[in-house]
Amino acid sequence: MQIIELVRLVTLSPSAYNFQNWKFIAVRDAAGLKAAAYGQQKVVDALVTFIDCGTLNAHLRLAQVLEPSLDAGILNAKVVSAWVSMAQGAREGNPQLQRDEAFRSASLAAMTLMLAAQDQGLVTGPMSGFDPVAVSREFAPQTDEVPVRLSG
């Protein structure tokens, strides 16, 4: 139940244009992850290790992401249209900006996860020492997702 609450709290994390361009993969049996984490024992010792992924091409689904805010009257159609236009205009054909934004958003969400875990009395910390290609291969993130860090 704590994992579900942690993930719920992560959804409150800020992101540019409200992209929410992150994904968390909860790994409970981290034996396969240990090798990709350069043998770090803490990925196995943790009750759960999260693979924090940033999503590339988030601008392509922005209209869909903003739809609930539009339906609830939080944003109006003119604002949504402007945001989608600005986001797509800046990111289309700009893979570096897409990657930077994916890393920023995933990092903010990972920070939210770690602070929420600490608030629940859990011990956690970020791990950047891992092979992202091996993590992608082993845990099959989509081609538009990039592993940013491990949290455990």
N, C-alpha and C. Protein backbone atom coordinates (compact mmCIF):
# COMPACT_ATOMS: atom_id res chain seq x y z
N MET A 1 0.82 -1.19 0.00
CA MET A 1 0.00 0.00 0.00
C MET A 1 0.87 1.26 0.00
N GLN A 2 2.02 1.22 0.66
CA GLN A 2 2.91 2.37 0.67
C GLN A 2 3.38 2.72 -0.73
N ILE A 3 3.64 1.72 -1.55
CA ILE A 3 4.11 1.96 -2.91
C ILE A 3 3.05 2.73 -3.69
N ILE A 4 1.80 2.34 -3.55
CA ILE A 4 0.72 3.03 -4.26
C ILE A 4 0.63 4.49 -3.81
N GLU A 5 0.75 4.73 -2.51
CA GLU A 5 0.70 6.10 -2.00
C GLU A 5 1.90 6.91 -2.48
N LEU A 6 3.06 6.30 -2.51
CA LEU A 6 4.25 7.00 -3.01
C LEU A 6 4.06 7.41 -4.46
N VAL A 7 3.56 6.51 -5.25
CA VAL A 7 3.34 6.81 -6.67
C VAL A 7 2.27 7.89 -6.83
N ARG A 8 1.22 7.85 -6.00
CA ARG A 8 0.20 8.90 -6.05
C ARG A 8 0.81 10.27 -5.77
N LEU A 9 1.67 10.33 -4.77
CA LEU A 9 2.31 11.59 -4.42
C LEU A 9 3.23 12.07 -5.54
N VAL A 10 3.87 11.15 -6.23
CA VAL A 10 4.74 11.52 -7.35
C VAL A 10 3.94 12.24 -8.43
N THR A 11 2.70 11.85 -8.62
CA THR A 11 1.90 12.48 -9.67
C THR A 11 1.64 13.96 -9.39
N LEU A 12 1.94 14.41 -8.18
CA LEU A 12 1.79 15.83 -7.83
C LEU A 12 3.04 16.64 -8.16
N SER A 13 4.08 15.99 -8.64
CA SER A 13 5.34 16.67 -8.95
C SER A 13 5.16 17.65 -10.09
N PRO A 14 5.89 18.76 -10.04
CA PRO A 14 5.80 19.73 -11.13
C PRO A 14 6.54 19.26 -12.37
N SER A 15 6.07 19.72 -13.50
CA SER A 15 6.78 19.50 -14.77
C SER A 15 6.36 20.60 -15.73
N ALA A 16 7.23 20.92 -16.66
CA ALA A 16 6.91 21.96 -17.64
C ALA A 16 5.64 21.59 -18.39
N TYR A 17 4.75 22.55 -18.57
CA TYR A 17 3.49 22.36 -19.29
C TYR A 17 2.62 21.26 -18.68
N ASN A 18 2.98 20.79 -17.50
CA ASN A 18 2.30 19.64 -16.87
C ASN A 18 2.46 18.38 -17.73
N PHE A 19 3.62 18.27 -18.38
CA PHE A 19 3.90 17.10 -19.22
C PHE A 19 3.74 15.79 -18.45
N GLN A 20 4.17 15.79 -17.19
CA GLN A 20 4.23 14.55 -16.41
C GLN A 20 4.97 13.48 -17.20
N ASN A 21 6.12 13.90 -17.72
CA ASN A 21 6.88 13.02 -18.60
C ASN A 21 7.88 12.18 -17.81
N TRP A 22 7.31 11.33 -16.98
CA TRP A 22 8.11 10.40 -16.21
C TRP A 22 7.35 9.09 -16.08
N LYS A 23 8.09 8.09 -15.73
CA LYS A 23 7.51 6.76 -15.47
C LYS A 23 8.39 6.14 -14.40
N PHE A 24 7.76 5.44 -13.48
CA PHE A 24 8.50 4.73 -12.43
C PHE A 24 8.21 3.25 -12.54
N ILE A 25 9.26 2.47 -12.55
CA ILE A 25 9.12 1.02 -12.57
C ILE A 25 9.55 0.53 -11.20
N ALA A 26 8.64 -0.10 -10.46
CA ALA A 26 8.93 -0.62 -9.13
C ALA A 26 9.47 -2.04 -9.28
N VAL A 27 10.69 -2.24 -8.81
CA VAL A 27 11.34 -3.55 -8.92
C VAL A 27 11.46 -4.13 -7.51
N ARG A 28 10.78 -5.23 -7.29
CA ARG A 28 10.83 -5.87 -5.96
C ARG A 28 11.90 -6.95 -5.90
N ASP A 29 12.07 -7.67 -6.99
CA ASP A 29 13.12 -8.68 -7.05
C ASP A 29 14.23 -8.11 -7.92
N ALA A 30 15.21 -7.51 -7.28
CA ALA A 30 16.21 -6.73 -8.00
C ALA A 30 17.46 -7.52 -8.37
N ALA A 31 17.39 -8.84 -8.36
CA ALA A 31 18.57 -9.62 -8.72
C ALA A 31 19.05 -9.26 -10.13
N GLY A 32 18.14 -9.10 -11.07
CA GLY A 32 18.52 -8.72 -12.44
C GLY A 32 19.00 -7.29 -12.54
N LEU A 33 18.60 -6.46 -11.60
CA LEU A 33 18.98 -5.06 -11.60
C LEU A 33 20.37 -4.86 -11.00
N LYS A 34 20.79 -5.76 -10.13
CA LYS A 34 22.08 -5.60 -9.44
C LYS A 34 23.24 -5.53 -10.44
N ALA A 35 23.24 -6.38 -11.44
CA ALA A 35 24.32 -6.36 -12.43
C ALA A 35 24.33 -5.04 -13.19
N ALA A 36 23.15 -4.53 -13.55
CA ALA A 36 23.06 -3.27 -14.28
C ALA A 36 23.44 -2.08 -13.39
N ALA A 37 23.38 -2.29 -12.06
CA ALA A 37 23.74 -1.24 -11.10
C ALA A 37 25.18 -1.45 -10.60
N TYR A 38 25.99 -2.06 -11.44
CA TYR A 38 27.42 -2.27 -11.14
C TYR A 38 27.64 -2.99 -9.82
N GLY A 39 26.74 -3.95 -9.54
CA GLY A 39 26.91 -4.79 -8.36
C GLY A 39 26.52 -4.14 -7.04
N GLN A 40 25.88 -3.00 -7.06
CA GLN A 40 25.50 -2.33 -5.81
C GLN A 40 24.49 -3.18 -5.04
N GLN A 41 24.88 -3.58 -3.87
CA GLN A 41 24.05 -4.44 -3.03
C GLN A 41 22.75 -3.76 -2.60
N LYS A 42 22.76 -2.43 -2.50
CA LYS A 42 21.58 -1.74 -1.99
C LYS A 42 20.35 -1.92 -2.88
N VAL A 43 20.52 -2.21 -4.17
CA VAL A 43 19.34 -2.43 -5.00
C VAL A 43 18.65 -3.74 -4.63
N VAL A 44 19.42 -4.69 -4.11
CA VAL A 44 18.85 -5.96 -3.68
C VAL A 44 18.31 -5.85 -2.25
N ASP A 45 19.01 -5.09 -1.41
CA ASP A 45 18.60 -4.94 -0.01
C ASP A 45 17.33 -4.12 0.15
N ALA A 46 17.06 -3.22 -0.78
CA ALA A 46 15.89 -2.35 -0.69
C ALA A 46 14.61 -3.17 -0.85
N LEU A 47 13.59 -2.78 -0.10
CA LEU A 47 12.29 -3.43 -0.24
C LEU A 47 11.78 -3.30 -1.67
N VAL A 48 12.00 -2.13 -2.24
CA VAL A 48 11.66 -1.88 -3.64
C VAL A 48 12.69 -0.88 -4.18
N THR A 49 13.10 -1.08 -5.41
CA THR A 49 13.94 -0.12 -6.10
C THR A 49 13.14 0.40 -7.28
N PHE A 50 13.07 1.72 -7.37
CA PHE A 50 12.36 2.33 -8.49
C PHE A 50 13.35 2.69 -9.58
N ILE A 51 12.99 2.38 -10.80
CA ILE A 51 13.71 2.86 -11.97
C ILE A 51 12.95 4.10 -12.42
N ASP A 52 13.60 5.24 -12.29
CA ASP A 52 12.98 6.52 -12.65
C ASP A 52 13.31 6.79 -14.11
N CYS A 53 12.29 6.87 -14.94
CA CYS A 53 12.48 7.09 -16.37
C CYS A 53 11.88 8.42 -16.79
N GLY A 54 12.57 9.10 -17.67
CA GLY A 54 12.04 10.31 -18.29
C GLY A 54 11.47 9.94 -19.65
N THR A 55 10.40 10.62 -20.04
CA THR A 55 9.74 10.33 -21.31
C THR A 55 10.11 11.38 -22.34
N LEU A 56 10.63 10.92 -23.46
CA LEU A 56 10.91 11.80 -24.59
C LEU A 56 9.62 12.01 -25.38
N ASN A 57 9.59 12.98 -26.22
CA ASN A 57 8.44 13.26 -27.08
C ASN A 57 7.16 13.55 -26.30
N ALA A 58 7.29 14.06 -25.08
CA ALA A 58 6.11 14.35 -24.26
C ALA A 58 5.20 15.38 -24.92
N HIS A 59 5.77 16.23 -25.74
CA HIS A 59 4.97 17.26 -26.40
C HIS A 59 3.90 16.67 -27.32
N LEU A 60 4.13 15.44 -27.79
CA LEU A 60 3.17 14.82 -28.71
C LEU A 60 1.87 14.42 -28.02
N ARG A 61 1.91 14.24 -26.71
CA ARG A 61 0.70 13.83 -25.99
C ARG A 61 0.20 14.91 -25.03
N LEU A 62 0.71 16.13 -25.18
CA LEU A 62 0.35 17.20 -24.25
C LEU A 62 -1.14 17.51 -24.28
N ALA A 63 -1.75 17.58 -25.44
CA ALA A 63 -3.19 17.89 -25.51
C ALA A 63 -3.99 16.87 -24.70
N GLN A 64 -3.62 15.61 -24.80
CA GLN A 64 -4.30 14.53 -24.06
C GLN A 64 -4.07 14.69 -22.56
N VAL A 65 -2.85 15.05 -22.17
CA VAL A 65 -2.52 15.21 -20.74
C VAL A 65 -3.31 16.38 -20.14
N LEU A 66 -3.51 17.43 -20.92
CA LEU A 66 -4.20 18.62 -20.42
C LEU A 66 -5.73 18.50 -20.47
N GLU A 67 -6.23 17.48 -21.12
CA GLU A 67 -7.68 17.33 -21.29
C GLU A 67 -8.45 17.34 -19.96
N PRO A 68 -8.00 16.62 -18.93
CA PRO A 68 -8.75 16.68 -17.66
C PRO A 68 -8.81 18.10 -17.07
N SER A 69 -7.75 18.88 -17.21
CA SER A 69 -7.75 20.26 -16.71
C SER A 69 -8.71 21.13 -17.52
N LEU A 70 -8.80 20.85 -18.81
CA LEU A 70 -9.74 21.56 -19.67
C LEU A 70 -11.17 21.20 -19.28
N ASP A 71 -11.44 19.90 -19.13
CA ASP A 71 -12.78 19.43 -18.76
C ASP A 71 -13.23 19.96 -17.40
N ALA A 72 -12.28 20.11 -16.47
CA ALA A 72 -12.60 20.59 -15.13
C ALA A 72 -12.70 22.11 -15.06
N GLY A 73 -12.40 22.79 -16.16
CA GLY A 73 -12.47 24.25 -16.18
C GLY A 73 -11.26 24.93 -15.54
N ILE A 74 -10.21 24.16 -15.27
CA ILE A 74 -8.99 24.73 -14.71
C ILE A 74 -8.26 25.54 -15.77
N LEU A 75 -8.24 25.01 -16.98
CA LEU A 75 -7.66 25.69 -18.14
C LEU A 75 -8.76 25.86 -19.19
N ASN A 76 -8.66 26.93 -19.97
CA ASN A 76 -9.62 27.08 -21.05
C ASN A 76 -8.97 26.62 -22.37
N ALA A 77 -9.77 26.47 -23.39
CA ALA A 77 -9.31 25.94 -24.67
C ALA A 77 -8.21 26.80 -25.28
N LYS A 78 -8.30 28.11 -25.11
CA LYS A 78 -7.29 29.01 -25.67
C LYS A 78 -5.93 28.77 -25.02
N VAL A 79 -5.91 28.60 -23.71
CA VAL A 79 -4.66 28.34 -22.99
C VAL A 79 -4.08 26.99 -23.40
N VAL A 80 -4.92 25.97 -23.45
CA VAL A 80 -4.46 24.64 -23.85
C VAL A 80 -3.86 24.69 -25.26
N SER A 81 -4.54 25.34 -26.17
CA SER A 81 -4.04 25.45 -27.54
C SER A 81 -2.70 26.18 -27.58
N ALA A 82 -2.57 27.24 -26.81
CA ALA A 82 -1.31 28.00 -26.77
C ALA A 82 -0.19 27.15 -26.19
N TRP A 83 -0.47 26.45 -25.10
CA TRP A 83 0.56 25.61 -24.48
C TRP A 83 1.02 24.52 -25.45
N VAL A 84 0.07 23.86 -26.08
CA VAL A 84 0.41 22.79 -27.02
C VAL A 84 1.25 23.35 -28.16
N SER A 85 0.86 24.48 -28.69
CA SER A 85 1.60 25.09 -29.79
C SER A 85 3.02 25.46 -29.37
N MET A 86 3.16 26.09 -28.21
CA MET A 86 4.50 26.48 -27.72
C MET A 86 5.36 25.25 -27.45
N ALA A 87 4.79 24.27 -26.78
CA ALA A 87 5.56 23.07 -26.43
C ALA A 87 6.01 22.32 -27.67
N GLN A 88 5.10 22.15 -28.61
CA GLN A 88 5.45 21.42 -29.83
C GLN A 88 6.43 22.22 -30.69
N GLY A 89 6.23 23.52 -30.77
CA GLY A 89 7.12 24.35 -31.57
C GLY A 89 8.55 24.32 -31.08
N ALA A 90 8.74 24.31 -29.78
CA ALA A 90 10.09 24.33 -29.21
C ALA A 90 10.74 22.95 -29.22
N ARG A 91 9.95 21.89 -29.13
CA ARG A 91 10.53 20.55 -28.95
C ARG A 91 10.59 19.72 -30.23
N GLU A 92 9.72 19.98 -31.16
CA GLU A 92 9.72 19.20 -32.41
C GLU A 92 11.07 19.40 -33.10
N GLY A 93 11.73 18.32 -33.39
CA GLY A 93 13.02 18.38 -34.05
C GLY A 93 14.16 18.82 -33.14
N ASN A 94 13.93 18.85 -31.83
CA ASN A 94 14.95 19.27 -30.88
C ASN A 94 15.14 18.17 -29.83
N PRO A 95 15.84 17.09 -30.21
CA PRO A 95 15.99 15.96 -29.28
C PRO A 95 16.75 16.33 -28.00
N GLN A 96 17.65 17.29 -28.07
CA GLN A 96 18.39 17.67 -26.86
C GLN A 96 17.45 18.30 -25.83
N LEU A 97 16.57 19.18 -26.27
CA LEU A 97 15.60 19.79 -25.35
C LEU A 97 14.66 18.73 -24.79
N GLN A 98 14.23 17.81 -25.64
CA GLN A 98 13.35 16.74 -25.16
C GLN A 98 14.04 15.91 -24.08
N ARG A 99 15.30 15.57 -24.32
CA ARG A 99 16.06 14.77 -23.34
C ARG A 99 16.28 15.57 -22.05
N ASP A 100 16.66 16.83 -22.20
CA ASP A 100 16.87 17.67 -21.01
C ASP A 100 15.59 17.75 -20.18
N GLU A 101 14.48 17.98 -20.85
CA GLU A 101 13.19 18.10 -20.14
C GLU A 101 12.81 16.78 -19.49
N ALA A 102 13.07 15.67 -20.16
CA ALA A 102 12.78 14.36 -19.57
C ALA A 102 13.60 14.14 -18.30
N PHE A 103 14.87 14.53 -18.34
CA PHE A 103 15.73 14.37 -17.16
C PHE A 103 15.30 15.31 -16.03
N ARG A 104 14.97 16.55 -16.37
CA ARG A 104 14.51 17.49 -15.33
C ARG A 104 13.25 16.99 -14.66
N SER A 105 12.27 16.60 -15.46
CA SER A 105 10.99 16.17 -14.91
C SER A 105 11.12 14.89 -14.10
N ALA A 106 11.87 13.92 -14.62
CA ALA A 106 12.06 12.67 -13.87
C ALA A 106 12.81 12.93 -12.57
N SER A 107 13.75 13.87 -12.58
CA SER A 107 14.50 14.19 -11.37
C SER A 107 13.60 14.84 -10.32
N LEU A 108 12.74 15.77 -10.75
CA LEU A 108 11.80 16.38 -9.80
C LEU A 108 10.85 15.34 -9.22
N ALA A 109 10.37 14.45 -10.07
CA ALA A 109 9.47 13.40 -9.60
C ALA A 109 10.19 12.44 -8.65
N ALA A 110 11.44 12.11 -8.95
CA ALA A 110 12.22 11.23 -8.07
C ALA A 110 12.44 11.90 -6.71
N MET A 111 12.68 13.21 -6.72
CA MET A 111 12.84 13.93 -5.46
C MET A 111 11.55 13.85 -4.65
N THR A 112 10.41 14.03 -5.31
CA THR A 112 9.12 13.92 -4.62
C THR A 112 8.97 12.53 -4.02
N LEU A 113 9.33 11.51 -4.78
CA LEU A 113 9.24 10.13 -4.29
C LEU A 113 10.10 9.94 -3.04
N MET A 114 11.34 10.42 -3.09
CA MET A 114 12.25 10.24 -1.95
C MET A 114 11.78 11.01 -0.72
N LEU A 115 11.28 12.23 -0.92
CA LEU A 115 10.77 13.00 0.22
C LEU A 115 9.52 12.36 0.81
N ALA A 116 8.64 11.87 -0.05
CA ALA A 116 7.43 11.20 0.43
C ALA A 116 7.79 9.92 1.18
N ALA A 117 8.77 9.18 0.67
CA ALA A 117 9.21 7.95 1.35
C ALA A 117 9.78 8.29 2.73
N GLN A 118 10.59 9.34 2.79
CA GLN A 118 11.16 9.76 4.07
C GLN A 118 10.05 10.15 5.04
N ASP A 119 9.04 10.84 4.55
CA ASP A 119 7.91 11.24 5.39
C ASP A 119 7.17 10.03 5.95
N GLN A 120 7.20 8.92 5.23
CA GLN A 120 6.55 7.68 5.68
C GLN A 120 7.48 6.83 6.54
N GLY A 121 8.64 7.38 6.88
CA GLY A 121 9.58 6.66 7.73
C GLY A 121 10.47 5.68 7.00
N LEU A 122 10.51 5.78 5.69
CA LEU A 122 11.34 4.89 4.89
C LEU A 122 12.67 5.56 4.59
N VAL A 123 13.68 4.77 4.38
CA VAL A 123 15.00 5.29 4.02
C VAL A 123 15.17 5.07 2.52
N THR A 124 15.59 6.10 1.82
CA THR A 124 15.76 6.00 0.37
C THR A 124 16.85 6.96 -0.07
N GLY A 125 17.29 6.78 -1.27
CA GLY A 125 18.29 7.67 -1.83
C GLY A 125 18.44 7.43 -3.31
N PRO A 126 18.97 8.43 -4.01
CA PRO A 126 19.16 8.30 -5.46
C PRO A 126 20.42 7.52 -5.79
N MET A 127 20.38 6.79 -6.87
CA MET A 127 21.55 6.07 -7.36
C MET A 127 21.71 6.39 -8.84
N SER A 128 22.81 7.03 -9.16
CA SER A 128 23.05 7.32 -10.57
C SER A 128 24.07 6.35 -11.18
N GLY A 129 24.65 5.48 -10.35
CA GLY A 129 25.63 4.52 -10.84
C GLY A 129 24.96 3.27 -11.38
N PHE A 130 24.62 3.32 -12.67
CA PHE A 130 24.03 2.15 -13.33
C PHE A 130 24.23 2.28 -14.82
N ASP A 131 24.08 1.19 -15.51
CA ASP A 131 24.21 1.15 -16.96
C ASP A 131 22.82 1.32 -17.57
N PRO A 132 22.51 2.48 -18.14
CA PRO A 132 21.16 2.71 -18.66
C PRO A 132 20.77 1.78 -19.80
N VAL A 133 21.73 1.37 -20.60
CA VAL A 133 21.43 0.45 -21.70
C VAL A 133 21.01 -0.91 -21.13
N ALA A 134 21.73 -1.39 -20.13
CA ALA A 134 21.39 -2.67 -19.50
C ALA A 134 20.05 -2.59 -18.79
N VAL A 135 19.78 -1.47 -18.12
CA VAL A 135 18.49 -1.30 -17.44
C VAL A 135 17.36 -1.32 -18.46
N SER A 136 17.54 -0.62 -19.57
CA SER A 136 16.52 -0.60 -20.62
C SER A 136 16.30 -2.00 -21.19
N ARG A 137 17.38 -2.70 -21.42
CA ARG A 137 17.27 -4.05 -22.00
C ARG A 137 16.58 -5.01 -21.03
N GLU A 138 16.93 -4.95 -19.77
CA GLU A 138 16.41 -5.88 -18.76
C GLU A 138 14.96 -5.57 -18.39
N PHE A 139 14.63 -4.29 -18.31
CA PHE A 139 13.31 -3.91 -17.81
C PHE A 139 12.42 -3.28 -18.86
N ALA A 140 12.88 -3.28 -20.09
CA ALA A 140 12.10 -2.94 -21.29
C ALA A 140 11.34 -1.62 -21.24
N PRO A 141 12.00 -0.52 -20.84
CA PRO A 141 11.30 0.76 -21.04
C PRO A 141 11.03 0.97 -22.52
N GLN A 142 10.00 1.71 -22.81
CA GLN A 142 9.64 2.00 -24.20
C GLN A 142 10.79 2.77 -24.85
N THR A 143 10.82 2.79 -26.16
CA THR A 143 11.91 3.46 -26.86
C THR A 143 11.92 4.96 -26.62
N ASP A 144 10.79 5.53 -26.17
CA ASP A 144 10.78 6.96 -25.87
C ASP A 144 10.98 7.24 -24.38
N GLU A 145 11.50 6.26 -23.64
CA GLU A 145 11.79 6.43 -22.22
C GLU A 145 13.27 6.22 -21.99
N VAL A 146 13.83 7.02 -21.10
CA VAL A 146 15.25 6.92 -20.79
C VAL A 146 15.41 6.78 -19.27
N PRO A 147 16.10 5.73 -18.82
CA PRO A 147 16.34 5.60 -17.37
C PRO A 147 17.21 6.76 -16.89
N VAL A 148 16.76 7.45 -15.87
CA VAL A 148 17.46 8.62 -15.35
C VAL A 148 18.23 8.28 -14.08
N ARG A 149 17.59 7.57 -13.17
CA ARG A 149 18.26 7.16 -11.93
C ARG A 149 17.48 6.04 -11.29
N LEU A 150 18.10 5.45 -10.31
CA LEU A 150 17.44 4.44 -9.48
C LEU A 150 17.19 5.08 -8.13
N SER A 151 16.09 4.75 -7.53
CA SER A 151 15.78 5.20 -6.17
C SER A 151 15.45 3.97 -5.35
N GLY A 152 16.15 3.83 -4.26
CA GLY A 152 15.88 2.65 -3.45
C GLY A 152 16.17 2.93 -2.01
